[in-house]
Amino acid sequence: MNKGTIVTVVLNNGAEIVGKLVLDDFTGVIINRPRMVQVTQQGVGLVNGISMTGIEPKGDFTFPKNSVLYVIETAEEIANGWTQQTSGIALPNKGLLG
């Protein structure tokens, strides 16, 4: 995956973290402005930060490679939600134009 792609990092404990890929190498995965995925009655949402009780990382955060199961490109709808949440820029949903 290319630097700047919105990715989902799946950790060994099953937690999913969404953020912008900075670097993925043999030592770790660095993502910018990570958000933890949380399932609610209303659907999937993004929690500010990477834990329910920790402070929110404001920039890059490194996940050690031994705690990462895999990294995959994030689904478009979730990636758009991440962009809106971290930048305030609202992206249109497909099918609304035209």
N, C-alpha and C. Protein backbone atom coordinates (compact mmCIF):
# COMPACT_ATOMS: atom_id res chain seq x y z
N MET A 1 0.83 -1.18 0.00
CA MET A 1 0.00 0.00 0.00
C MET A 1 0.88 1.25 0.00
N ASN A 2 0.33 2.28 -0.56
CA ASN A 2 1.08 3.52 -0.67
C ASN A 2 0.94 4.39 0.57
N LYS A 3 1.98 5.15 0.86
CA LYS A 3 1.93 6.13 1.93
C LYS A 3 0.76 7.07 1.65
N GLY A 4 0.00 7.39 2.69
CA GLY A 4 -1.14 8.28 2.54
C GLY A 4 -2.47 7.57 2.37
N THR A 5 -2.43 6.25 2.14
CA THR A 5 -3.65 5.47 2.02
C THR A 5 -4.30 5.32 3.40
N ILE A 6 -5.63 5.41 3.46
CA ILE A 6 -6.34 5.16 4.72
C ILE A 6 -6.42 3.65 4.89
N VAL A 7 -5.86 3.15 6.00
CA VAL A 7 -5.76 1.71 6.22
C VAL A 7 -6.41 1.31 7.54
N THR A 8 -6.69 0.03 7.64
CA THR A 8 -7.14 -0.58 8.88
C THR A 8 -6.02 -1.49 9.36
N VAL A 9 -5.56 -1.25 10.58
CA VAL A 9 -4.55 -2.10 11.22
C VAL A 9 -5.30 -3.01 12.18
N VAL A 10 -5.19 -4.31 11.97
CA VAL A 10 -5.84 -5.28 12.85
C VAL A 10 -4.78 -5.81 13.80
N LEU A 11 -5.03 -5.63 15.09
CA LEU A 11 -4.08 -6.03 16.12
C LEU A 11 -4.32 -7.46 16.58
N ASN A 12 -3.34 -8.03 17.26
CA ASN A 12 -3.44 -9.41 17.74
C ASN A 12 -4.65 -9.66 18.62
N ASN A 13 -5.10 -8.65 19.35
CA ASN A 13 -6.24 -8.81 20.24
C ASN A 13 -7.58 -8.62 19.52
N GLY A 14 -7.54 -8.40 18.20
CA GLY A 14 -8.75 -8.24 17.41
C GLY A 14 -9.18 -6.79 17.22
N ALA A 15 -8.58 -5.87 17.94
CA ALA A 15 -8.92 -4.45 17.78
C ALA A 15 -8.56 -3.99 16.37
N GLU A 16 -9.38 -3.11 15.83
CA GLU A 16 -9.12 -2.52 14.52
C GLU A 16 -8.90 -1.03 14.69
N ILE A 17 -7.84 -0.54 14.06
CA ILE A 17 -7.45 0.86 14.13
C ILE A 17 -7.41 1.41 12.71
N VAL A 18 -8.04 2.56 12.48
CA VAL A 18 -8.06 3.19 11.16
C VAL A 18 -7.21 4.46 11.21
N GLY A 19 -6.43 4.67 10.17
CA GLY A 19 -5.63 5.89 10.08
C GLY A 19 -4.93 5.97 8.73
N LYS A 20 -4.21 7.07 8.54
CA LYS A 20 -3.47 7.28 7.29
C LYS A 20 -2.10 6.63 7.40
N LEU A 21 -1.76 5.76 6.46
CA LEU A 21 -0.48 5.04 6.49
C LEU A 21 0.69 5.99 6.28
N VAL A 22 1.63 5.93 7.21
CA VAL A 22 2.87 6.69 7.11
C VAL A 22 3.99 5.76 6.69
N LEU A 23 4.09 4.59 7.34
CA LEU A 23 5.17 3.65 7.07
C LEU A 23 4.76 2.26 7.55
N ASP A 24 5.09 1.26 6.75
CA ASP A 24 4.89 -0.14 7.13
C ASP A 24 6.19 -0.86 6.79
N ASP A 25 6.98 -1.19 7.81
CA ASP A 25 8.23 -1.90 7.57
C ASP A 25 8.36 -3.06 8.55
N PHE A 26 9.52 -3.67 8.61
CA PHE A 26 9.70 -4.87 9.42
C PHE A 26 9.64 -4.61 10.92
N THR A 27 9.75 -3.35 11.35
CA THR A 27 9.71 -3.06 12.79
C THR A 27 8.34 -2.64 13.28
N GLY A 28 7.53 -2.04 12.41
CA GLY A 28 6.22 -1.59 12.86
C GLY A 28 5.40 -0.94 11.77
N VAL A 29 4.21 -0.56 12.16
CA VAL A 29 3.29 0.15 11.27
C VAL A 29 3.03 1.50 11.90
N ILE A 30 3.30 2.56 11.15
CA ILE A 30 3.06 3.92 11.64
C ILE A 30 1.86 4.48 10.90
N ILE A 31 0.86 4.92 11.66
CA ILE A 31 -0.29 5.56 11.04
C ILE A 31 -0.52 6.92 11.69
N ASN A 32 -1.09 7.82 10.92
CA ASN A 32 -1.37 9.17 11.37
C ASN A 32 -2.81 9.26 11.85
N ARG A 33 -2.98 9.93 13.00
CA ARG A 33 -4.30 10.20 13.60
C ARG A 33 -5.14 8.93 13.72
N PRO A 34 -4.64 7.93 14.44
CA PRO A 34 -5.36 6.66 14.56
C PRO A 34 -6.69 6.81 15.29
N ARG A 35 -7.65 6.01 14.83
CA ARG A 35 -8.97 5.95 15.44
C ARG A 35 -9.35 4.48 15.63
N MET A 36 -9.85 4.13 16.82
CA MET A 36 -10.27 2.77 17.09
C MET A 36 -11.68 2.55 16.56
N VAL A 37 -11.91 1.41 15.94
CA VAL A 37 -13.23 1.06 15.43
C VAL A 37 -14.05 0.52 16.60
N GLN A 38 -15.28 1.03 16.71
CA GLN A 38 -16.18 0.61 17.77
C GLN A 38 -17.53 0.26 17.15
N VAL A 39 -18.06 -0.90 17.50
CA VAL A 39 -19.37 -1.31 17.01
C VAL A 39 -20.41 -0.88 18.04
N THR A 40 -21.47 -0.20 17.56
CA THR A 40 -22.55 0.25 18.42
C THR A 40 -23.87 -0.26 17.85
N GLN A 41 -24.95 0.03 18.54
CA GLN A 41 -26.28 -0.35 18.03
C GLN A 41 -26.59 0.35 16.72
N GLN A 42 -26.01 1.53 16.51
CA GLN A 42 -26.25 2.28 15.29
C GLN A 42 -25.33 1.86 14.14
N GLY A 43 -24.37 1.00 14.40
CA GLY A 43 -23.43 0.55 13.38
C GLY A 43 -22.00 0.74 13.83
N VAL A 44 -21.11 0.90 12.87
CA VAL A 44 -19.68 1.04 13.15
C VAL A 44 -19.34 2.52 13.29
N GLY A 45 -18.54 2.82 14.32
CA GLY A 45 -18.10 4.20 14.53
C GLY A 45 -16.62 4.23 14.83
N LEU A 46 -16.06 5.42 14.84
CA LEU A 46 -14.64 5.60 15.13
C LEU A 46 -14.49 6.38 16.43
N VAL A 47 -13.72 5.83 17.36
CA VAL A 47 -13.45 6.45 18.64
C VAL A 47 -12.20 7.32 18.50
N ASN A 48 -12.25 8.53 19.05
CA ASN A 48 -11.06 9.38 19.02
C ASN A 48 -9.95 8.72 19.82
N GLY A 49 -8.93 8.24 19.14
CA GLY A 49 -7.80 7.61 19.80
C GLY A 49 -7.75 6.12 19.56
N ILE A 50 -6.95 5.44 20.38
CA ILE A 50 -6.71 4.01 20.17
C ILE A 50 -7.09 3.15 21.37
N SER A 51 -7.64 3.78 22.40
CA SER A 51 -8.14 3.01 23.54
C SER A 51 -9.30 3.78 24.16
N MET A 52 -10.13 3.08 24.90
CA MET A 52 -11.31 3.70 25.49
C MET A 52 -10.94 4.70 26.59
N THR A 53 -9.80 4.50 27.26
CA THR A 53 -9.45 5.33 28.40
C THR A 53 -8.18 6.15 28.22
N GLY A 54 -7.47 5.96 27.11
CA GLY A 54 -6.22 6.68 26.89
C GLY A 54 -6.43 8.01 26.18
N ILE A 55 -5.37 8.81 26.18
CA ILE A 55 -5.44 10.09 25.48
C ILE A 55 -5.38 9.84 23.97
N GLU A 56 -5.85 10.80 23.23
CA GLU A 56 -5.89 10.70 21.77
C GLU A 56 -4.54 11.10 21.17
N PRO A 57 -3.90 10.18 20.42
CA PRO A 57 -2.68 10.58 19.71
C PRO A 57 -3.02 11.65 18.66
N LYS A 58 -2.32 12.77 18.66
CA LYS A 58 -2.61 13.87 17.76
C LYS A 58 -1.90 13.76 16.42
N GLY A 59 -0.86 12.95 16.36
CA GLY A 59 -0.09 12.83 15.13
C GLY A 59 0.11 11.37 14.77
N ASP A 60 1.36 10.99 14.54
CA ASP A 60 1.69 9.62 14.17
C ASP A 60 1.79 8.73 15.40
N PHE A 61 1.43 7.46 15.21
CA PHE A 61 1.55 6.47 16.27
C PHE A 61 2.11 5.20 15.66
N THR A 62 3.07 4.59 16.36
CA THR A 62 3.71 3.36 15.87
C THR A 62 3.15 2.15 16.59
N PHE A 63 2.70 1.18 15.81
CA PHE A 63 2.27 -0.11 16.33
C PHE A 63 3.39 -1.11 16.04
N PRO A 64 3.99 -1.71 17.08
CA PRO A 64 5.07 -2.68 16.84
C PRO A 64 4.57 -3.83 15.98
N LYS A 65 5.41 -4.29 15.08
CA LYS A 65 5.02 -5.33 14.13
C LYS A 65 4.54 -6.60 14.84
N ASN A 66 5.10 -6.91 16.02
CA ASN A 66 4.68 -8.14 16.71
C ASN A 66 3.29 -8.04 17.32
N SER A 67 2.66 -6.85 17.28
CA SER A 67 1.29 -6.72 17.77
C SER A 67 0.28 -6.58 16.63
N VAL A 68 0.76 -6.63 15.38
CA VAL A 68 -0.10 -6.43 14.21
C VAL A 68 -0.32 -7.75 13.47
N LEU A 69 -1.59 -8.11 13.27
CA LEU A 69 -1.90 -9.29 12.46
C LEU A 69 -1.77 -8.98 10.98
N TYR A 70 -2.42 -7.88 10.55
CA TYR A 70 -2.32 -7.47 9.15
C TYR A 70 -2.79 -6.03 8.98
N VAL A 71 -2.47 -5.47 7.82
CA VAL A 71 -2.88 -4.12 7.43
C VAL A 71 -3.60 -4.25 6.11
N ILE A 72 -4.77 -3.62 6.01
CA ILE A 72 -5.57 -3.70 4.79
C ILE A 72 -6.16 -2.32 4.50
N GLU A 73 -6.37 -2.03 3.22
CA GLU A 73 -7.00 -0.76 2.86
C GLU A 73 -8.41 -0.71 3.44
N THR A 74 -8.77 0.44 3.99
CA THR A 74 -10.05 0.62 4.66
C THR A 74 -11.17 0.78 3.63
N ALA A 75 -12.33 0.22 3.95
CA ALA A 75 -13.52 0.38 3.10
C ALA A 75 -13.80 1.87 2.91
N GLU A 76 -14.27 2.23 1.72
CA GLU A 76 -14.45 3.64 1.35
C GLU A 76 -15.33 4.42 2.33
N GLU A 77 -16.44 3.85 2.74
CA GLU A 77 -17.35 4.55 3.65
C GLU A 77 -16.68 4.88 4.99
N ILE A 78 -15.92 3.93 5.51
CA ILE A 78 -15.21 4.14 6.78
C ILE A 78 -14.07 5.13 6.58
N ALA A 79 -13.34 5.01 5.47
CA ALA A 79 -12.25 5.95 5.16
C ALA A 79 -12.78 7.37 5.05
N ASN A 80 -13.93 7.54 4.42
CA ASN A 80 -14.54 8.87 4.32
C ASN A 80 -14.92 9.40 5.70
N GLY A 81 -15.42 8.52 6.57
CA GLY A 81 -15.74 8.91 7.95
C GLY A 81 -14.50 9.35 8.70
N TRP A 82 -13.39 8.65 8.50
CA TRP A 82 -12.13 9.02 9.14
C TRP A 82 -11.70 10.40 8.66
N THR A 83 -11.79 10.63 7.35
CA THR A 83 -11.39 11.93 6.79
C THR A 83 -12.25 13.05 7.37
N GLN A 84 -13.55 12.82 7.46
CA GLN A 84 -14.44 13.84 8.01
C GLN A 84 -14.13 14.09 9.48
N GLN A 85 -13.91 13.03 10.24
CA GLN A 85 -13.66 13.17 11.67
C GLN A 85 -12.34 13.87 11.96
N THR A 86 -11.31 13.61 11.17
CA THR A 86 -9.99 14.15 11.46
C THR A 86 -9.73 15.51 10.81
N SER A 87 -10.49 15.84 9.77
CA SER A 87 -10.23 17.10 9.07
C SER A 87 -11.43 18.05 9.05
N GLY A 88 -12.62 17.52 9.32
CA GLY A 88 -13.82 18.33 9.21
C GLY A 88 -14.36 18.45 7.80
N ILE A 89 -13.68 17.81 6.84
CA ILE A 89 -14.11 17.84 5.45
C ILE A 89 -15.13 16.73 5.23
N ALA A 90 -16.34 17.09 4.83
CA ALA A 90 -17.39 16.10 4.55
C ALA A 90 -17.30 15.68 3.10
N LEU A 91 -17.20 14.37 2.87
CA LEU A 91 -17.15 13.83 1.51
C LEU A 91 -18.53 13.32 1.13
N PRO A 92 -18.95 13.57 -0.12
CA PRO A 92 -20.28 13.11 -0.54
C PRO A 92 -20.36 11.59 -0.63
N ASN A 93 -21.54 11.05 -0.32
CA ASN A 93 -21.77 9.63 -0.49
C ASN A 93 -22.02 9.34 -1.96
N LYS A 94 -21.59 8.17 -2.41
CA LYS A 94 -21.86 7.78 -3.80
C LYS A 94 -23.36 7.70 -4.04
N GLY A 95 -23.75 8.06 -5.24
CA GLY A 95 -25.16 7.95 -5.62
C GLY A 95 -25.97 9.21 -5.34
N LEU A 96 -25.41 10.17 -4.63
CA LEU A 96 -26.15 11.38 -4.35
C LEU A 96 -26.07 12.39 -5.48
N LEU A 97 -25.04 12.26 -6.31
CA LEU A 97 -24.85 13.19 -7.42
C LEU A 97 -25.30 12.55 -8.71
N GLY A 98 -25.80 13.37 -9.61
CA GLY A 98 -26.08 12.85 -10.94
C GLY A 98 -27.48 12.62 -11.13
